[in-house]
Amino acid sequence: MEKRQKRISGMMLIATFLISGTIFLQMALYVIAMTTGCASLKFHNLVEVCHVTLKAIGLSSFEYLLDTLVVFTLLFALWKLGSEMVRYFTLKIKFRLYQNSALTKELNKKCGAKKESIIVISYPVPLAITMGFLSPKVIISTGLMNLLNDDELDAVIYHEMHHQKNLDPLKIFLLSFCASSFFYIPILKWFSSQYRIIQELLADNLAIEKQATPLNIGSALLKMLKVGKADATPLVYVSFADTSINYRIEYMLNPLKDFKLKIPVDIAFKSVMIFSLICIVFIYVLA
């Protein structure tokens, strides 16, 4: 089942990047062609080909709509990227200021971690996240260490180490960024949410395998839920107790139950229709 979940999550990643990458590329080429008047770019632009085709049958009245769509999408994507990067570096600076060097060294030694891959911060709120894109770090707060016993804390660290090894902060950020930028294509949001669920289940499964019991990861999750959730999770990190709680508890109670993934027909249909409509609008603008 684990291999199947990994395969499904990989397919969702590829599908998201193909859909988003294609649209971003076409929009970028369109903007360049419109601003520079470069005929070669327009000639090689797939959207331009569609536009010429529809223009030939008399559909050329929505050029302003396409301009609005392109400008809004690109500006919104830049704003989203910029705001998340600001949040990322702000959090990074705060964590560096709050870092407890003694506990960090002690915990890394205990877990056999290399190059301080686990960072302990002096913070009263229970917190366990994995943050960073190319070299992610596991962030553990003293509040969490005070809340959990040793076995529960080990389970949480195993869970976060899965995210760390799998580069989930980077992957989840890219998925969420694409879903936010193209919010009018609902299948991307669905891919993003389902990917998060699968990765949380896989991370929990690693903790269960390491300790040969689901009790510690389950009790750690319940304790953190009782304390309460923190502020809304940014896209730039993966948090232990913020995602797919119901699925995770159900899986812990019944680990033999398979995670069924069925693409909702209505969402898929809407996405195809919206994508087709966008192509038509592109055609209009390139009249």
Protein backbone atom coordinates (compact mmCIF):
# COMPACT_ATOMS: atom_id res chain seq x y z
CA MET A 1 0.00 0.00 0.00
CA GLU A 2 2.88 2.35 0.79
CA LYS A 3 4.34 1.93 -2.69
CA ARG A 4 0.94 2.64 -4.20
CA GLN A 5 0.60 5.85 -2.16
CA LYS A 6 4.05 6.99 -3.24
CA ARG A 7 3.22 6.28 -6.87
CA ILE A 8 -0.06 8.20 -6.66
CA SER A 9 1.58 11.21 -4.99
CA GLY A 10 4.28 11.22 -7.67
CA MET A 11 1.66 11.19 -10.42
CA MET A 12 -0.16 14.12 -8.82
CA LEU A 13 3.09 16.07 -8.68
CA ILE A 14 3.81 15.43 -12.34
CA ALA A 15 0.24 16.26 -13.41
CA THR A 16 0.25 19.52 -11.45
CA PHE A 17 3.59 20.62 -12.88
CA LEU A 18 2.56 19.72 -16.42
CA ILE A 19 -0.73 21.62 -16.23
CA SER A 20 0.68 24.65 -14.43
CA GLY A 21 3.95 24.72 -16.34
CA THR A 22 2.19 24.62 -19.69
CA ILE A 23 -0.16 27.47 -18.79
CA PHE A 24 2.60 29.58 -17.24
CA LEU A 25 4.78 29.08 -20.29
CA GLN A 26 2.00 30.03 -22.69
CA MET A 27 1.14 33.12 -20.67
CA ALA A 28 4.77 34.17 -20.50
CA LEU A 29 5.21 33.71 -24.25
CA TYR A 30 1.99 35.62 -24.84
CA VAL A 31 3.14 38.56 -22.71
CA ILE A 32 6.52 38.64 -24.44
CA ALA A 33 4.91 38.44 -27.86
CA MET A 34 2.43 41.21 -27.06
CA THR A 35 5.02 43.55 -25.55
CA THR A 36 7.85 42.99 -28.02
CA GLY A 37 5.89 42.17 -31.15
CA CYS A 38 8.15 39.19 -31.71
CA ALA A 39 6.45 37.23 -34.46
CA SER A 40 8.58 34.12 -33.92
CA LEU A 41 7.36 33.78 -30.35
CA LYS A 42 3.76 34.19 -31.40
CA PHE A 43 4.22 31.68 -34.19
CA HIS A 44 5.51 29.05 -31.79
CA ASN A 45 2.91 29.81 -29.18
CA LEU A 46 0.33 27.02 -29.04
CA VAL A 47 -2.25 29.51 -27.83
CA GLU A 48 -1.63 31.69 -30.89
CA VAL A 49 -2.38 28.74 -33.14
CA CYS A 50 -5.70 28.22 -31.35
CA HIS A 51 -6.46 31.90 -31.58
CA VAL A 52 -5.90 32.04 -35.31
CA THR A 53 -8.14 29.01 -35.74
CA LEU A 54 -11.06 30.50 -33.85
CA LYS A 55 -10.54 33.88 -35.43
CA ALA A 56 -11.07 32.26 -38.79
CA ILE A 57 -14.59 31.26 -37.75
CA GLY A 58 -15.44 34.69 -36.42
CA LEU A 59 -14.73 34.41 -32.66
CA SER A 60 -12.58 37.44 -31.87
CA SER A 61 -14.44 39.58 -29.36
CA PHE A 62 -12.83 38.72 -26.00
CA GLU A 63 -9.29 40.08 -26.30
CA TYR A 64 -9.61 42.25 -23.20
CA LEU A 65 -10.80 39.29 -21.19
CA LEU A 66 -7.67 37.33 -22.02
CA ASP A 67 -5.46 40.32 -21.23
CA THR A 68 -7.14 40.59 -17.84
CA LEU A 69 -6.74 36.88 -17.19
CA VAL A 70 -3.05 36.83 -18.10
CA VAL A 71 -2.12 39.98 -16.21
CA PHE A 72 -4.14 39.03 -13.13
CA THR A 73 -2.74 35.49 -13.00
CA LEU A 74 0.88 36.53 -13.42
CA LEU A 75 0.62 39.44 -10.97
CA PHE A 76 -1.21 37.28 -8.42
CA ALA A 77 1.43 34.55 -8.79
CA LEU A 78 4.24 37.08 -8.24
CA TRP A 79 2.43 38.52 -5.23
CA LYS A 80 1.85 35.06 -3.77
CA LEU A 81 5.45 34.05 -4.30
CA GLY A 82 6.76 37.29 -2.82
CA SER A 83 4.51 37.18 0.25
CA GLU A 84 5.39 33.56 1.00
CA MET A 85 9.10 34.26 0.63
CA VAL A 86 8.78 37.16 3.06
CA ARG A 87 7.02 34.87 5.54
CA TYR A 88 9.68 32.21 5.02
CA PHE A 89 12.64 34.48 5.73
CA THR A 90 10.81 36.12 8.64
CA LEU A 91 10.20 32.72 10.24
CA LYS A 92 13.77 31.66 9.52
CA ILE A 93 15.14 34.73 11.32
CA LYS A 94 12.80 34.19 14.29
CA PHE A 95 13.74 30.54 14.61
CA ARG A 96 17.41 31.45 14.52
CA LEU A 97 16.89 33.98 17.31
CA TYR A 98 14.91 31.48 19.40
CA GLN A 99 17.28 28.57 18.81
CA ASN A 100 18.36 26.74 21.95
CA SER A 101 21.87 25.64 21.06
CA ALA A 102 22.33 23.26 23.99
CA LEU A 103 19.07 21.38 23.41
CA THR A 104 19.66 21.40 19.66
CA LYS A 105 23.03 19.74 20.06
CA GLU A 106 21.63 17.25 22.57
CA LEU A 107 18.65 16.24 20.43
CA ASN A 108 20.70 15.88 17.25
CA LYS A 109 23.17 13.65 19.10
CA LYS A 110 20.35 11.56 20.54
CA CYS A 111 18.72 11.07 17.12
CA GLY A 112 21.99 10.55 15.27
CA ALA A 113 21.17 13.46 12.98
CA LYS A 114 23.83 15.02 10.79
CA LYS A 115 24.76 18.69 10.42
CA GLU A 116 22.14 19.93 12.90
CA SER A 117 19.19 18.78 10.84
CA ILE A 118 17.00 19.17 13.95
CA ILE A 119 16.68 22.59 15.58
CA VAL A 120 15.18 23.19 19.02
CA ILE A 121 13.70 26.61 19.68
CA SER A 122 12.77 28.11 23.04
CA TYR A 123 9.06 28.60 22.45
CA PRO A 124 6.21 27.72 24.86
CA VAL A 125 3.70 26.65 22.20
CA PRO A 126 4.01 22.98 21.09
CA LEU A 127 5.45 23.11 17.59
CA ALA A 128 6.82 20.47 15.21
CA ILE A 129 7.44 21.50 11.62
CA THR A 130 9.77 20.78 8.73
CA MET A 131 10.97 23.91 6.99
CA GLY A 132 13.34 24.65 4.13
CA PHE A 133 13.40 23.82 0.44
CA LEU A 134 16.68 22.22 -0.64
CA SER A 135 18.02 21.42 2.84
CA PRO A 136 14.99 21.29 5.14
CA LYS A 137 15.29 21.39 8.93
CA VAL A 138 13.06 19.83 11.55
CA ILE A 139 11.98 22.51 14.06
CA ILE A 140 10.96 21.35 17.54
CA SER A 141 9.82 23.74 20.28
CA THR A 142 10.53 23.40 23.98
CA GLY A 143 6.78 23.59 24.46
CA LEU A 144 6.43 20.34 22.52
CA MET A 145 9.26 18.70 24.45
CA ASN A 146 7.51 19.59 27.72
CA LEU A 147 4.16 18.29 26.46
CA LEU A 148 5.26 14.88 25.17
CA ASN A 149 7.07 11.98 26.78
CA ASP A 150 10.27 10.63 25.21
CA ASP A 151 8.60 7.96 23.07
CA GLU A 152 5.99 10.41 21.75
CA LEU A 153 8.68 12.96 20.96
CA ASP A 154 10.68 10.32 19.08
CA ALA A 155 7.57 9.44 17.07
CA VAL A 156 7.04 13.07 16.08
CA ILE A 157 10.69 13.39 15.06
CA TYR A 158 10.46 10.24 12.91
CA HIS A 159 7.35 11.73 11.31
CA GLU A 160 9.10 14.99 10.50
CA MET A 161 12.18 13.18 9.25
CA HIS A 162 10.03 11.62 6.53
CA HIS A 163 9.03 15.11 5.36
CA GLN A 164 12.66 16.17 5.57
CA LYS A 165 13.99 13.27 3.52
CA ASN A 166 11.20 13.56 0.95
CA LEU A 167 11.70 17.33 0.52
CA ASP A 168 8.01 17.80 1.28
CA PRO A 169 8.28 21.51 2.19
CA LEU A 170 9.46 22.23 -1.37
CA LYS A 171 6.97 19.92 -3.06
CA ILE A 172 4.00 21.07 -1.00
CA PHE A 173 4.96 24.70 -1.54
CA LEU A 174 5.06 24.22 -5.32
CA LEU A 175 1.75 22.35 -5.34
CA SER A 176 0.06 24.96 -3.17
CA PHE A 177 1.57 27.79 -5.20
CA CYS A 178 0.24 26.33 -8.45
CA ALA A 179 -3.18 25.70 -6.91
CA SER A 180 -3.32 29.28 -5.61
CA SER A 181 -2.12 30.86 -8.83
CA PHE A 182 -4.60 28.90 -10.95
CA PHE A 183 -7.42 28.85 -8.41
CA TYR A 184 -9.89 28.75 -11.30
CA ILE A 185 -8.71 25.21 -12.17
CA PRO A 186 -10.07 23.26 -9.18
CA ILE A 187 -8.28 19.97 -9.88
CA LEU A 188 -4.98 21.61 -8.86
CA LYS A 189 -6.32 22.40 -5.40
CA TRP A 190 -7.58 18.84 -5.13
CA PHE A 191 -4.15 17.47 -6.11
CA SER A 192 -2.52 19.69 -3.48
CA SER A 193 -4.82 18.60 -0.65
CA GLN A 194 -4.61 14.91 -1.54
CA TYR A 195 -0.82 15.04 -1.77
CA ARG A 196 -0.68 16.49 1.74
CA ILE A 197 -2.88 13.70 3.07
CA ILE A 198 -0.78 10.97 1.47
CA GLN A 199 2.48 12.42 2.77
CA GLU A 200 1.10 12.74 6.30
CA LEU A 201 0.00 9.09 6.20
CA LEU A 202 3.42 8.03 4.91
CA ALA A 203 5.16 10.08 7.62
CA ASP A 204 2.96 8.55 10.32
CA ASN A 205 3.66 5.13 8.86
CA LEU A 206 7.42 5.68 9.19
CA ALA A 207 7.00 6.54 12.89
CA ILE A 208 4.84 3.43 13.38
CA GLU A 209 7.40 1.22 11.63
CA LYS A 210 10.30 2.66 13.64
CA GLN A 211 8.55 2.07 16.96
CA ALA A 212 6.46 -0.97 15.99
CA THR A 213 3.35 0.66 17.46
CA PRO A 214 0.92 3.43 16.51
CA LEU A 215 0.34 4.41 20.14
CA ASN A 216 3.07 7.02 20.46
CA ILE A 217 2.37 8.92 17.25
CA GLY A 218 -1.36 8.75 17.98
CA SER A 219 -1.08 10.04 21.54
CA ALA A 220 1.30 12.80 20.42
CA LEU A 221 -1.21 13.92 17.81
CA LEU A 222 -4.09 13.90 20.30
CA LYS A 223 -2.10 15.87 22.87
CA MET A 224 -1.28 18.56 20.31
CA LEU A 225 -4.90 18.73 19.21
CA LYS A 226 -6.02 19.25 22.81
CA VAL A 227 -3.60 22.16 23.18
CA GLY A 228 -5.10 23.79 20.09
CA LYS A 229 -3.98 24.74 16.59
CA ALA A 230 -1.57 27.55 15.89
CA ASP A 231 -2.08 30.29 13.32
CA ALA A 232 -2.85 29.42 9.71
CA THR A 233 -0.07 27.32 8.20
CA PRO A 234 2.07 29.13 5.61
CA LEU A 235 2.94 27.34 2.41
CA VAL A 236 6.64 27.34 3.30
CA TYR A 237 6.62 24.60 5.93
CA VAL A 238 4.95 21.30 6.81
CA SER A 239 3.37 21.14 10.26
CA PHE A 240 2.81 17.96 12.28
CA ALA A 241 -0.75 18.59 13.53
CA ASP A 242 -2.31 20.82 10.87
CA THR A 243 -3.22 18.41 8.09
CA SER A 244 -5.60 15.48 7.43
CA ILE A 245 -6.29 14.70 11.10
CA ASN A 246 -9.32 12.49 10.48
CA TYR A 247 -7.57 10.36 7.87
CA ARG A 248 -4.54 9.92 10.12
CA ILE A 249 -6.53 8.89 13.18
CA GLU A 250 -8.59 6.47 11.10
CA TYR A 251 -5.41 4.97 9.63
CA MET A 252 -3.86 4.55 13.08
CA LEU A 253 -6.97 2.76 14.30
CA ASN A 254 -7.07 0.56 11.21
CA PRO A 255 -3.63 0.47 9.52
CA LEU A 256 -4.74 -2.28 7.11
CA LYS A 257 -7.38 -0.03 5.55
CA ASP A 258 -6.31 1.18 2.13
CA PHE A 259 -6.36 4.87 1.28
CA LYS A 260 -8.77 5.13 -1.63
CA LEU A 261 -8.15 7.94 -4.04
CA LYS A 262 -10.91 8.72 -6.50
CA ILE A 263 -10.71 11.79 -8.68
CA PRO A 264 -14.08 13.56 -8.35
CA VAL A 265 -15.75 13.59 -11.74
CA ASP A 266 -17.32 17.02 -11.25
CA ILE A 267 -14.01 18.65 -10.36
CA ALA A 268 -12.23 16.98 -13.26
CA PHE A 269 -14.99 18.00 -15.67
CA LYS A 270 -14.98 21.61 -14.46
CA SER A 271 -11.20 21.77 -14.78
CA VAL A 272 -11.28 20.49 -18.36
CA MET A 273 -14.03 22.93 -19.28
CA ILE A 274 -12.28 25.89 -17.67
CA PHE A 275 -9.00 24.99 -19.32
CA SER A 276 -10.77 24.77 -22.68
CA LEU A 277 -12.46 28.11 -22.08
CA ILE A 278 -9.10 29.70 -21.26
CA CYS A 279 -7.74 28.45 -24.58
CA ILE A 280 -10.71 30.02 -26.37
CA VAL A 281 -10.17 33.33 -24.58
CA PHE A 282 -6.50 33.23 -25.52
CA ILE A 283 -7.57 32.77 -29.09
CA TYR A 284 -9.78 35.87 -28.90
CA VAL A 285 -7.06 38.10 -27.50
CA LEU A 286 -4.55 37.17 -30.16
CA ALA A 287 -6.83 38.48 -32.91
